[in-house]
Amino acid sequence: MKKCKIHQKFVHWKEVMQVTISEMKMIRIQKGYTFKRLSDLSGISVKTIRRIFNGEIKSPEYEMLQTLEHILRGEEEPDFIRESPMLS
């Protein structure tokens, strides 16, 4: 049975996303960041961050992942963090 292209792209995105979350887990541990610290820096709830890192949220919002990635990499706060109603 042949898979449609849309399904293949979705599966590929999930695989890439899981690798990204795995890398973020390692960086978080290396830097000693707690879920509480990430929450304070990102404005995302501790519960949501914990669920993302534990794989309980299978398709986290891209903006949340991008926010967490920027924080873990030590990059300057992106504009969308300050403007996002989700994080206000």
N, C-alpha and C. Protein backbone atom coordinates (compact mmCIF):
# COMPACT_ATOMS: atom_id res chain seq x y z
N MET A 1 0.83 -1.17 0.00
CA MET A 1 0.00 0.00 0.00
C MET A 1 0.88 1.24 0.00
N LYS A 2 0.63 2.13 -0.94
CA LYS A 2 1.44 3.33 -1.10
C LYS A 2 0.91 4.45 -0.20
N LYS A 3 1.80 5.12 0.50
CA LYS A 3 1.40 6.24 1.36
C LYS A 3 1.32 7.51 0.54
N CYS A 4 0.37 8.36 0.87
CA CYS A 4 0.27 9.63 0.16
C CYS A 4 1.40 10.55 0.60
N LYS A 5 1.70 11.55 -0.22
CA LYS A 5 2.79 12.47 0.08
C LYS A 5 2.55 13.26 1.36
N ILE A 6 1.31 13.65 1.60
CA ILE A 6 1.01 14.40 2.81
C ILE A 6 1.34 13.57 4.04
N HIS A 7 0.97 12.30 4.04
CA HIS A 7 1.26 11.42 5.17
C HIS A 7 2.77 11.27 5.35
N GLN A 8 3.49 11.12 4.24
CA GLN A 8 4.94 10.97 4.33
C GLN A 8 5.58 12.22 4.94
N LYS A 9 5.09 13.40 4.55
CA LYS A 9 5.64 14.63 5.11
C LYS A 9 5.34 14.73 6.60
N PHE A 10 4.16 14.33 7.01
CA PHE A 10 3.79 14.37 8.42
C PHE A 10 4.70 13.45 9.22
N VAL A 11 4.91 12.24 8.74
CA VAL A 11 5.77 11.29 9.44
C VAL A 11 7.19 11.85 9.51
N HIS A 12 7.67 12.42 8.41
CA HIS A 12 9.01 13.00 8.40
C HIS A 12 9.11 14.14 9.42
N TRP A 13 8.12 15.01 9.49
CA TRP A 13 8.13 16.11 10.44
C TRP A 13 8.17 15.58 11.88
N LYS A 14 7.38 14.53 12.16
CA LYS A 14 7.38 13.96 13.50
C LYS A 14 8.77 13.43 13.86
N GLU A 15 9.42 12.77 12.91
CA GLU A 15 10.75 12.23 13.18
C GLU A 15 11.73 13.35 13.46
N VAL A 16 11.69 14.40 12.66
CA VAL A 16 12.59 15.54 12.86
C VAL A 16 12.31 16.20 14.19
N MET A 17 11.03 16.35 14.51
CA MET A 17 10.64 16.99 15.76
C MET A 17 11.16 16.20 16.96
N GLN A 18 11.06 14.90 16.93
CA GLN A 18 11.52 14.08 18.06
C GLN A 18 13.02 14.21 18.24
N VAL A 19 13.76 14.29 17.16
CA VAL A 19 15.20 14.48 17.26
C VAL A 19 15.48 15.82 17.92
N THR A 20 14.76 16.85 17.50
CA THR A 20 14.94 18.18 18.06
C THR A 20 14.65 18.18 19.55
N ILE A 21 13.58 17.55 19.95
CA ILE A 21 13.24 17.49 21.37
C ILE A 21 14.31 16.70 22.13
N SER A 22 14.80 15.62 21.53
CA SER A 22 15.87 14.84 22.17
C SER A 22 17.12 15.70 22.38
N GLU A 23 17.46 16.48 21.37
CA GLU A 23 18.62 17.37 21.49
C GLU A 23 18.38 18.43 22.55
N MET A 24 17.17 18.96 22.59
CA MET A 24 16.85 19.97 23.60
C MET A 24 16.91 19.38 25.00
N LYS A 25 16.52 18.11 25.14
CA LYS A 25 16.62 17.44 26.45
C LYS A 25 18.07 17.41 26.92
N MET A 26 18.97 17.02 26.00
CA MET A 26 20.39 16.93 26.35
C MET A 26 20.95 18.29 26.74
N ILE A 27 20.61 19.32 25.96
CA ILE A 27 21.10 20.66 26.26
C ILE A 27 20.57 21.14 27.60
N ARG A 28 19.29 20.89 27.86
CA ARG A 28 18.67 21.29 29.12
C ARG A 28 19.41 20.67 30.30
N ILE A 29 19.71 19.40 30.20
CA ILE A 29 20.42 18.69 31.27
C ILE A 29 21.85 19.21 31.41
N GLN A 30 22.54 19.40 30.27
CA GLN A 30 23.91 19.91 30.31
C GLN A 30 23.99 21.28 30.97
N LYS A 31 23.01 22.13 30.69
CA LYS A 31 23.01 23.49 31.24
C LYS A 31 22.40 23.56 32.63
N GLY A 32 21.81 22.47 33.07
CA GLY A 32 21.22 22.44 34.41
C GLY A 32 19.92 23.21 34.53
N TYR A 33 19.22 23.39 33.41
CA TYR A 33 17.95 24.11 33.44
C TYR A 33 16.84 23.20 33.95
N THR A 34 16.09 23.68 34.91
CA THR A 34 14.92 22.95 35.38
C THR A 34 13.72 23.36 34.51
N PHE A 35 12.65 22.59 34.62
CA PHE A 35 11.43 22.96 33.90
C PHE A 35 10.93 24.32 34.40
N LYS A 36 11.09 24.57 35.69
CA LYS A 36 10.67 25.85 36.28
C LYS A 36 11.46 26.99 35.67
N ARG A 37 12.76 26.81 35.53
CA ARG A 37 13.61 27.86 34.93
C ARG A 37 13.19 28.12 33.49
N LEU A 38 12.97 27.07 32.71
CA LEU A 38 12.51 27.25 31.33
C LEU A 38 11.17 27.95 31.29
N SER A 39 10.30 27.62 32.22
CA SER A 39 8.99 28.26 32.30
C SER A 39 9.14 29.75 32.58
N ASP A 40 9.99 30.09 33.54
CA ASP A 40 10.21 31.49 33.89
C ASP A 40 10.76 32.28 32.70
N LEU A 41 11.65 31.68 31.95
CA LEU A 41 12.27 32.36 30.81
C LEU A 41 11.37 32.43 29.58
N SER A 42 10.51 31.44 29.41
CA SER A 42 9.70 31.35 28.19
C SER A 42 8.27 31.83 28.33
N GLY A 43 7.75 31.78 29.55
CA GLY A 43 6.34 32.10 29.73
C GLY A 43 5.42 30.93 29.44
N ILE A 44 6.00 29.78 29.16
CA ILE A 44 5.24 28.55 28.92
C ILE A 44 5.11 27.83 30.26
N SER A 45 3.96 27.27 30.54
CA SER A 45 3.75 26.65 31.85
C SER A 45 4.70 25.46 32.07
N VAL A 46 5.04 25.24 33.33
CA VAL A 46 5.88 24.10 33.71
C VAL A 46 5.24 22.81 33.22
N LYS A 47 3.93 22.68 33.41
CA LYS A 47 3.22 21.47 33.00
C LYS A 47 3.37 21.21 31.50
N THR A 48 3.22 22.25 30.69
CA THR A 48 3.34 22.09 29.24
C THR A 48 4.76 21.72 28.86
N ILE A 49 5.75 22.38 29.45
CA ILE A 49 7.15 22.06 29.15
C ILE A 49 7.46 20.62 29.53
N ARG A 50 7.02 20.21 30.70
CA ARG A 50 7.24 18.83 31.14
C ARG A 50 6.61 17.85 30.15
N ARG A 51 5.40 18.14 29.71
CA ARG A 51 4.70 17.25 28.78
C ARG A 51 5.40 17.20 27.42
N ILE A 52 5.95 18.33 26.97
CA ILE A 52 6.70 18.34 25.70
C ILE A 52 7.93 17.46 25.83
N PHE A 53 8.72 17.67 26.88
CA PHE A 53 9.97 16.92 27.05
C PHE A 53 9.74 15.44 27.35
N ASN A 54 8.62 15.10 27.93
CA ASN A 54 8.30 13.70 28.20
C ASN A 54 7.59 13.02 27.04
N GLY A 55 7.36 13.75 25.96
CA GLY A 55 6.73 13.16 24.77
C GLY A 55 5.23 12.98 24.89
N GLU A 56 4.62 13.60 25.89
CA GLU A 56 3.17 13.48 26.07
C GLU A 56 2.40 14.35 25.08
N ILE A 57 3.02 15.42 24.61
CA ILE A 57 2.42 16.25 23.57
C ILE A 57 3.13 15.85 22.28
N LYS A 58 2.42 15.17 21.41
CA LYS A 58 3.03 14.62 20.20
C LYS A 58 3.30 15.67 19.13
N SER A 59 2.51 16.72 19.09
CA SER A 59 2.68 17.78 18.10
C SER A 59 2.65 19.15 18.78
N PRO A 60 3.70 19.48 19.51
CA PRO A 60 3.72 20.78 20.17
C PRO A 60 3.72 21.91 19.14
N GLU A 61 3.20 23.05 19.54
CA GLU A 61 3.19 24.19 18.64
C GLU A 61 4.62 24.58 18.29
N TYR A 62 4.81 24.90 17.01
CA TYR A 62 6.14 25.26 16.51
C TYR A 62 6.72 26.43 17.30
N GLU A 63 5.90 27.43 17.61
CA GLU A 63 6.40 28.60 18.33
C GLU A 63 6.93 28.24 19.71
N MET A 64 6.29 27.28 20.36
CA MET A 64 6.78 26.84 21.67
C MET A 64 8.15 26.19 21.54
N LEU A 65 8.29 25.31 20.55
CA LEU A 65 9.57 24.64 20.33
C LEU A 65 10.66 25.65 20.00
N GLN A 66 10.31 26.61 19.15
CA GLN A 66 11.28 27.62 18.75
C GLN A 66 11.70 28.46 19.96
N THR A 67 10.75 28.81 20.79
CA THR A 67 11.05 29.58 22.00
C THR A 67 12.00 28.81 22.91
N LEU A 68 11.69 27.55 23.15
CA LEU A 68 12.55 26.72 24.02
C LEU A 68 13.94 26.55 23.42
N GLU A 69 14.00 26.35 22.10
CA GLU A 69 15.29 26.20 21.44
C GLU A 69 16.14 27.46 21.60
N HIS A 70 15.54 28.63 21.39
CA HIS A 70 16.29 29.89 21.53
C HIS A 70 16.83 30.05 22.95
N ILE A 71 16.01 29.72 23.93
CA ILE A 71 16.44 29.83 25.33
C ILE A 71 17.59 28.87 25.61
N LEU A 72 17.46 27.64 25.17
CA LEU A 72 18.50 26.64 25.45
C LEU A 72 19.80 26.94 24.72
N ARG A 73 19.71 27.57 23.57
CA ARG A 73 20.92 27.93 22.83
C ARG A 73 21.54 29.22 23.34
N GLY A 74 20.80 29.92 24.21
CA GLY A 74 21.32 31.17 24.74
C GLY A 74 21.22 32.31 23.76
N GLU A 75 20.32 32.19 22.79
CA GLU A 75 20.17 33.24 21.79
C GLU A 75 19.28 34.35 22.32
N GLU A 76 19.41 35.49 21.68
CA GLU A 76 18.57 36.63 22.06
C GLU A 76 17.10 36.28 21.88
N GLU A 77 16.27 36.84 22.71
CA GLU A 77 14.84 36.56 22.69
C GLU A 77 14.25 36.98 21.34
N PRO A 78 13.64 36.05 20.61
CA PRO A 78 13.04 36.40 19.32
C PRO A 78 11.82 37.30 19.53
N ASP A 79 11.51 38.12 18.51
CA ASP A 79 10.40 39.07 18.59
C ASP A 79 9.07 38.40 18.90
N PHE A 80 8.85 37.20 18.33
CA PHE A 80 7.53 36.59 18.50
C PHE A 80 7.25 36.23 19.95
N ILE A 81 8.27 36.09 20.79
CA ILE A 81 8.03 35.78 22.20
C ILE A 81 7.35 36.98 22.87
N ARG A 82 7.87 38.16 22.61
CA ARG A 82 7.31 39.36 23.22
C ARG A 82 5.91 39.65 22.69
N GLU A 83 5.63 39.27 21.44
CA GLU A 83 4.37 39.62 20.79
C GLU A 83 3.31 38.55 20.92
N SER A 84 3.66 37.35 21.29
CA SER A 84 2.72 36.24 21.27
C SER A 84 1.69 36.35 22.38
N PRO A 85 0.38 36.34 22.01
CA PRO A 85 -0.65 36.37 23.04
C PRO A 85 -0.63 35.10 23.90
N MET A 86 -0.14 34.00 23.33
CA MET A 86 -0.05 32.73 24.05
C MET A 86 0.87 32.88 25.26
N LEU A 87 1.88 33.70 25.12
CA LEU A 87 2.89 33.82 26.16
C LEU A 87 2.76 35.11 26.96
N SER A 88 1.72 35.87 26.72
CA SER A 88 1.53 37.14 27.42
C SER A 88 0.86 36.93 28.75
